[in-house]
Protein backbone atom coordinates (compact mmCIF):
# COMPACT_ATOMS: atom_id res chain seq x y z
CA MET A 1 -193.77 67.11 133.29
CA THR A 2 -195.07 65.80 136.62
CA THR A 3 -195.48 62.05 137.05
CA ARG A 4 -198.02 60.86 139.60
CA LEU A 5 -197.28 57.60 141.36
CA GLN A 6 -199.63 55.74 143.65
CA ALA A 7 -197.87 55.26 147.00
CA PRO A 8 -200.36 54.08 149.63
CA GLY A 9 -198.87 53.65 153.08
CA PHE A 10 -195.73 55.56 152.09
CA ASP A 11 -194.11 58.39 154.04
CA LEU A 12 -191.65 60.50 152.05
CA ARG A 13 -190.11 62.35 154.99
CA HIS A 14 -189.49 59.25 157.09
CA THR A 15 -187.98 57.50 154.06
CA LEU A 16 -185.56 60.24 153.00
CA GLU A 17 -184.64 61.56 156.45
CA CYS A 18 -184.11 58.30 158.34
CA GLY A 19 -180.33 58.15 157.80
CA GLN A 20 -180.09 55.66 154.95
CA PHE A 21 -179.52 58.24 152.17
CA PHE A 22 -177.75 61.60 152.19
CA ARG A 23 -178.16 63.49 148.89
CA TRP A 24 -181.51 65.20 149.38
CA THR A 25 -182.49 68.81 149.95
CA ARG A 26 -185.76 69.76 151.64
CA THR A 27 -187.95 72.39 149.95
CA PRO A 28 -191.11 74.10 151.26
CA ASP A 29 -193.33 71.41 149.72
CA GLY A 30 -191.06 68.44 149.12
CA TYR A 31 -187.48 67.53 148.24
CA TYR A 32 -184.83 67.66 145.57
CA VAL A 33 -183.16 64.25 145.33
CA HIS A 34 -179.73 63.72 143.78
CA VAL A 35 -178.97 60.19 142.54
CA GLY A 36 -176.01 59.62 140.24
CA GLY A 37 -176.58 61.82 137.20
CA LEU A 38 -180.18 62.53 138.12
CA LEU A 39 -181.62 65.51 139.99
CA PHE A 40 -185.37 65.29 140.49
CA ALA A 41 -188.06 66.93 142.57
CA VAL A 42 -190.52 64.89 144.61
CA ARG A 43 -193.41 65.79 146.88
CA GLN A 44 -196.20 63.83 148.50
CA HIS A 45 -199.92 64.54 148.43
CA GLY A 46 -201.77 61.92 150.42
CA ASP A 47 -201.20 58.56 148.80
CA GLU A 48 -199.58 60.07 145.70
CA LEU A 49 -195.96 60.91 144.93
CA LEU A 50 -195.48 63.74 142.44
CA VAL A 51 -192.15 63.38 140.66
CA GLU A 52 -190.51 65.81 138.25
CA GLY A 53 -187.32 64.92 136.42
CA ALA A 54 -187.15 61.13 136.86
CA PRO A 55 -188.79 58.29 134.91
CA ALA A 56 -191.70 56.65 136.68
CA SER A 57 -189.96 53.26 136.56
CA PHE A 58 -186.87 54.71 138.24
CA ALA A 59 -188.87 56.46 140.97
CA ARG A 60 -190.93 53.33 141.71
CA ARG A 61 -187.77 51.28 142.08
CA PHE A 62 -185.77 53.88 144.02
CA PHE A 63 -188.57 54.41 146.56
CA SER A 64 -189.28 50.64 146.73
CA LEU A 65 -192.97 51.16 146.06
CA ASP A 66 -193.27 47.43 145.42
CA HIS A 67 -192.37 46.55 149.02
CA ASP A 68 -195.33 45.14 150.91
CA THR A 69 -194.94 47.52 153.84
CA PRO A 70 -198.38 46.79 155.35
CA LEU A 71 -197.27 43.16 155.69
CA ILE A 72 -193.82 44.14 157.02
CA GLU A 73 -195.32 46.57 159.54
CA GLU A 74 -197.90 44.02 160.64
CA ARG A 75 -195.17 41.43 161.29
CA LEU A 76 -192.97 43.88 163.18
CA LEU A 77 -195.87 45.27 165.23
CA HIS A 78 -196.22 41.82 166.80
CA ASP A 79 -192.94 42.57 168.59
CA ARG A 80 -194.08 44.72 171.52
CA ARG A 81 -190.61 46.23 171.91
CA LEU A 82 -190.66 47.48 168.34
CA ARG A 83 -194.26 48.65 168.42
CA GLU A 84 -193.70 52.30 169.29
CA ALA A 85 -190.97 52.77 166.68
CA VAL A 86 -193.09 51.19 163.93
CA GLU A 87 -196.21 53.13 164.88
CA VAL A 88 -194.38 56.48 164.95
CA TYR A 89 -192.53 55.92 161.67
CA ARG A 90 -195.10 54.05 159.61
CA GLY A 91 -194.56 54.40 155.88
CA LEU A 92 -190.77 54.26 155.98
CA ARG A 93 -189.26 52.37 153.04
CA ILE A 94 -185.81 50.94 152.50
CA LEU A 95 -184.59 52.66 149.35
CA ARG A 96 -182.90 50.95 146.40
CA GLN A 97 -179.83 53.10 146.01
CA ASP A 98 -177.15 53.15 143.34
CA PRO A 99 -174.54 50.61 144.54
CA TRP A 100 -171.50 52.76 143.73
CA GLU A 101 -172.88 55.92 145.31
CA CYS A 102 -174.06 53.97 148.35
CA THR A 103 -170.59 52.42 148.73
CA VAL A 104 -168.95 55.86 148.64
CA ALA A 105 -171.47 57.26 151.12
CA PHE A 106 -170.88 54.60 153.74
CA LEU A 107 -167.11 54.54 153.23
CA THR A 108 -167.18 58.21 154.22
CA SER A 109 -169.34 57.37 157.25
CA ALA A 110 -166.46 55.95 159.29
CA ALA A 111 -166.00 58.06 162.46
CA SER A 112 -168.42 60.62 161.03
CA ASN A 113 -171.99 61.90 161.31
CA ILE A 114 -174.89 62.56 158.96
CA PRO A 115 -174.25 66.28 158.23
CA ARG A 116 -170.59 65.55 157.56
CA ILE A 117 -171.35 62.59 155.29
CA ALA A 118 -173.76 64.76 153.29
CA ALA A 119 -171.10 67.50 153.05
CA ASN A 120 -168.45 64.98 151.94
CA LEU A 121 -170.70 63.66 149.17
CA ALA A 122 -171.56 67.19 148.04
CA ASP A 123 -167.86 68.06 147.91
CA ILE A 124 -167.05 64.93 145.88
CA ALA A 125 -169.85 65.71 143.44
CA GLN A 126 -168.78 69.33 143.05
CA ALA A 127 -165.12 68.38 142.54
CA TYR A 128 -165.63 65.52 140.07
CA GLY A 129 -169.22 65.68 138.82
CA ARG A 130 -170.93 67.94 136.30
CA PRO A 131 -173.21 70.91 137.02
CA THR A 132 -176.94 70.25 136.83
CA ALA A 133 -180.05 72.20 137.77
CA ARG A 134 -183.79 71.86 138.19
CA GLY A 135 -186.30 74.57 138.96
CA GLY A 136 -183.53 77.04 139.71
CA PHE A 137 -181.87 74.63 142.14
CA GLN A 138 -178.16 74.05 141.38
CA SER A 139 -176.39 70.76 142.02
CA PHE A 140 -173.77 68.37 140.61
CA THR A 141 -173.97 64.85 139.24
CA PHE A 142 -172.23 62.15 141.25
CA PRO A 143 -168.99 60.93 139.61
CA ARG A 144 -168.75 57.36 138.40
CA PRO A 145 -165.81 55.17 139.45
CA ASP A 146 -163.74 56.20 136.41
CA GLU A 147 -164.31 59.89 137.21
CA ILE A 148 -163.21 59.84 140.83
CA GLY A 149 -159.96 61.62 141.65
CA ASP A 150 -156.70 60.29 143.01
CA GLU A 151 -155.94 60.03 146.70
CA GLU A 152 -154.23 63.41 146.88
CA GLY A 153 -157.21 65.14 145.25
CA LEU A 154 -159.66 63.44 147.58
CA ARG A 155 -157.59 64.37 150.62
CA LYS A 156 -157.94 68.00 149.60
CA LEU A 157 -161.68 67.52 150.15
CA ARG A 158 -160.97 66.81 153.85
CA LEU A 159 -161.69 63.10 153.48
CA GLY A 160 -158.59 62.12 155.43
CA PHE A 161 -157.93 58.38 155.69
CA ARG A 162 -161.15 57.71 153.75
CA ALA A 163 -159.50 58.98 150.56
CA ARG A 164 -157.45 55.80 150.19
CA TYR A 165 -160.55 53.67 150.71
CA LEU A 166 -162.42 55.54 147.97
CA VAL A 167 -159.59 55.15 145.46
CA GLU A 168 -159.45 51.40 146.10
CA ALA A 169 -163.24 51.08 145.98
CA ALA A 170 -163.28 52.88 142.62
CA ARG A 171 -160.57 50.56 141.25
CA LEU A 172 -162.38 47.41 142.39
CA THR A 173 -165.71 48.71 141.10
CA ARG A 174 -164.18 49.37 137.68
CA ALA A 175 -163.01 45.74 137.80
CA GLY A 176 -166.61 44.59 138.26
CA LEU A 177 -166.86 44.02 142.01
CA LEU A 178 -170.29 45.59 142.53
CA GLU A 179 -171.75 44.03 139.38
CA ASP A 180 -170.59 40.62 140.59
CA LEU A 181 -172.54 41.04 143.84
CA GLU A 182 -175.92 41.21 142.09
CA ASP A 183 -176.54 37.47 142.02
CA LEU A 184 -174.62 36.40 145.12
CA PRO A 185 -176.34 35.13 148.29
CA PHE A 186 -176.11 37.46 151.26
CA GLU A 187 -173.15 35.91 153.09
CA GLU A 188 -171.08 35.52 149.92
CA ALA A 189 -171.83 39.10 148.89
CA ARG A 190 -170.84 40.27 152.36
CA GLU A 191 -167.49 38.49 152.18
CA ALA A 192 -166.84 39.83 148.68
CA LEU A 193 -167.54 43.42 149.76
CA MET A 194 -165.15 43.19 152.68
CA VAL A 195 -162.15 42.85 150.36
CA VAL A 196 -162.48 46.62 149.89
CA PRO A 197 -160.24 48.47 152.37
CA GLY A 198 -162.40 50.28 154.90
CA ILE A 199 -165.40 47.96 154.51
CA ALA A 200 -166.05 45.84 157.57
CA ASP A 201 -169.27 44.33 158.94
CA LYS A 202 -171.33 47.48 159.44
CA ILE A 203 -170.54 49.17 156.12
CA ALA A 204 -170.97 45.91 154.19
CA ASP A 205 -174.39 45.41 155.77
CA CYS A 206 -175.39 49.00 154.93
CA ILE A 207 -174.47 48.55 151.27
CA LEU A 208 -176.24 45.20 151.01
CA LEU A 209 -179.37 46.55 152.69
CA TYR A 210 -179.66 49.94 150.97
CA ALA A 211 -178.31 49.12 147.50
CA PHE A 212 -178.79 45.40 146.92
CA GLY A 213 -182.11 44.74 148.61
CA HIS A 214 -180.91 42.25 151.23
CA LEU A 215 -183.63 43.14 153.72
CA ASN A 216 -182.25 40.62 156.20
CA ALA A 217 -179.11 42.73 156.72
CA PHE A 218 -178.81 44.39 160.13
CA PRO A 219 -176.10 47.07 160.26
CA VAL A 220 -174.85 47.69 163.79
CA ASP A 221 -173.57 51.21 164.40
CA THR A 222 -173.28 53.27 167.60
CA TRP A 223 -177.02 54.00 167.78
CA ILE A 224 -178.15 50.45 167.08
CA ARG A 225 -175.58 48.95 169.41
CA ARG A 226 -176.82 51.15 172.25
CA VAL A 227 -180.54 50.70 171.67
CA MET A 228 -180.25 46.94 171.17
CA ARG A 229 -178.18 46.46 174.33
CA ASP A 230 -180.66 48.61 176.24
CA MET A 231 -183.83 46.97 174.94
CA PHE A 232 -182.84 43.34 174.48
CA PHE A 233 -179.67 42.59 176.50
CA GLN A 234 -180.37 44.34 179.82
CA GLY A 235 -177.59 46.81 179.11
CA ARG A 236 -174.90 44.14 178.78
CA LYS A 237 -172.01 44.91 176.42
CA VAL A 238 -172.52 42.05 174.02
CA PRO A 239 -170.50 41.98 170.77
CA ASP A 240 -171.97 43.22 167.50
CA SER A 241 -171.97 39.67 166.14
CA ALA A 242 -174.36 38.63 168.93
CA ILE A 243 -176.64 41.59 168.13
CA ARG A 244 -176.75 40.64 164.43
CA GLU A 245 -177.46 37.01 165.27
CA PHE A 246 -180.24 38.02 167.67
CA ALA A 247 -181.80 40.31 165.03
CA SER A 248 -181.66 37.57 162.40
CA GLU A 249 -183.40 35.10 164.70
CA ARG A 250 -186.01 37.58 165.92
CA TRP A 251 -186.93 39.42 162.69
CA GLY A 252 -185.59 37.22 159.90
CA ASP A 253 -186.17 38.61 156.41
CA TRP A 254 -187.39 41.93 157.85
CA ALA A 255 -184.38 42.58 160.11
CA GLY A 256 -183.31 45.49 157.89
CA TYR A 257 -186.65 47.21 158.37
CA ALA A 258 -186.50 46.58 162.11
CA GLN A 259 -183.04 48.17 162.15
CA GLN A 260 -184.21 51.26 160.31
CA TYR A 261 -187.21 51.79 162.59
CA LEU A 262 -185.00 51.41 165.65
CA TYR A 263 -182.34 53.72 164.23
CA ILE A 264 -184.60 56.68 163.48
CA TRP A 265 -186.57 56.13 166.69
CA ALA A 266 -183.39 56.09 168.79
CA ARG A 267 -182.07 59.26 167.12
CA GLU A 268 -185.28 61.27 167.21
CA ARG A 269 -187.28 59.95 170.16
CA ARG A 270 -184.69 59.03 172.78
CA PRO A 271 -182.24 61.96 172.90
CA VAL A 272 -182.08 62.04 176.70
CA ILE A 273 -181.13 58.37 176.99
CA TYR A 274 -178.54 58.77 174.23
CA ARG A 275 -177.14 62.17 175.22
CA GLU A 276 -173.59 60.83 175.02
CA THR A 277 -174.15 59.56 171.50
CA LEU A 278 -175.60 62.89 170.43
CA ALA A 279 -172.67 64.74 171.95
CA ALA A 280 -170.23 62.50 170.10
CA GLY A 281 -171.98 63.26 166.80
CA ALA A 282 -172.09 59.58 165.85
CA VAL A 283 -173.91 58.40 162.75
C-alpha cells in the first residue's frame, strides 16, 4: 500500500544525496531506503512523498517533515555568503536517523569517502543482518548491537582499524550509552559520546546532528574546513574549534543546516576550487 505524505518545500534528492545518510539506492523514479530492519520505497511527486513499506509516522519523523524549513531557509538566506548554497539546495532536510546505525556509519567514515562508507555498511548488513526484499529489490537488515560480529570478523570485511571501534561501540550501546544521550544537553551528550574509541569532535557532532536532532551541531570535516577557511577566514588555517565557535555565533540553532548546505554545495558546485579534496577522496 502506498502512503501519501504532504511535504511542501521538501526535496527528496537533496535530502538523501547530501552526504548525511548512506543506505539508499536510486531507482528510475525514486529511491529504496534501508533503515535498520526496514526497507522501503519512496518517490516524490510535487509536494507529496509516496512511501511504500514504512509507516507514515516513521516516514514523517525520518524525513523531518515537521522541521520549519521555510523559516530556516529564510534565516540562512540573510547571510549573503550562504545565499547561493541555500538557493541551489532548497528543500534539504536534516534526517532523524537511527542512533546506532548512524554511529556505525560515521565510525566507518574515518579516513574514508562516501562510496566506501556505503560499501562498508552494505558489507556489515550482508554479513550480520537478515535478507529482505521489496519490489524485487534485494537487501539486508542492519544488525543491532547484539548482532554485530567480533573484531576478527569485522576485519574480514576490510574495516581495518575501524573494526575495534565498532566492537567497543556495540558494547557501550548494549550498556545503554545511546539511550542515555536522549535527554542530555548538547555539550554533555558530546562528552558522553567521545568515550567511545574512534569518536572525536567531528564524528560526535555528526551523530548528534543526524540522529539526535541537535541542529546546532556543526561537524567539521575536510570539505567544511576548506570552505569555511576560504569563505570566512581569508584562507587562514584556523583550528576546527575556531570554526565551530564561529558557526555557533553566526548561525546558532541552525548551524547544522548551514553546515549541510555548505557541504553539498562545496562538493557539487566547487570542484575546481577543491580539486585536491576530490583527488584525495575525502568525505
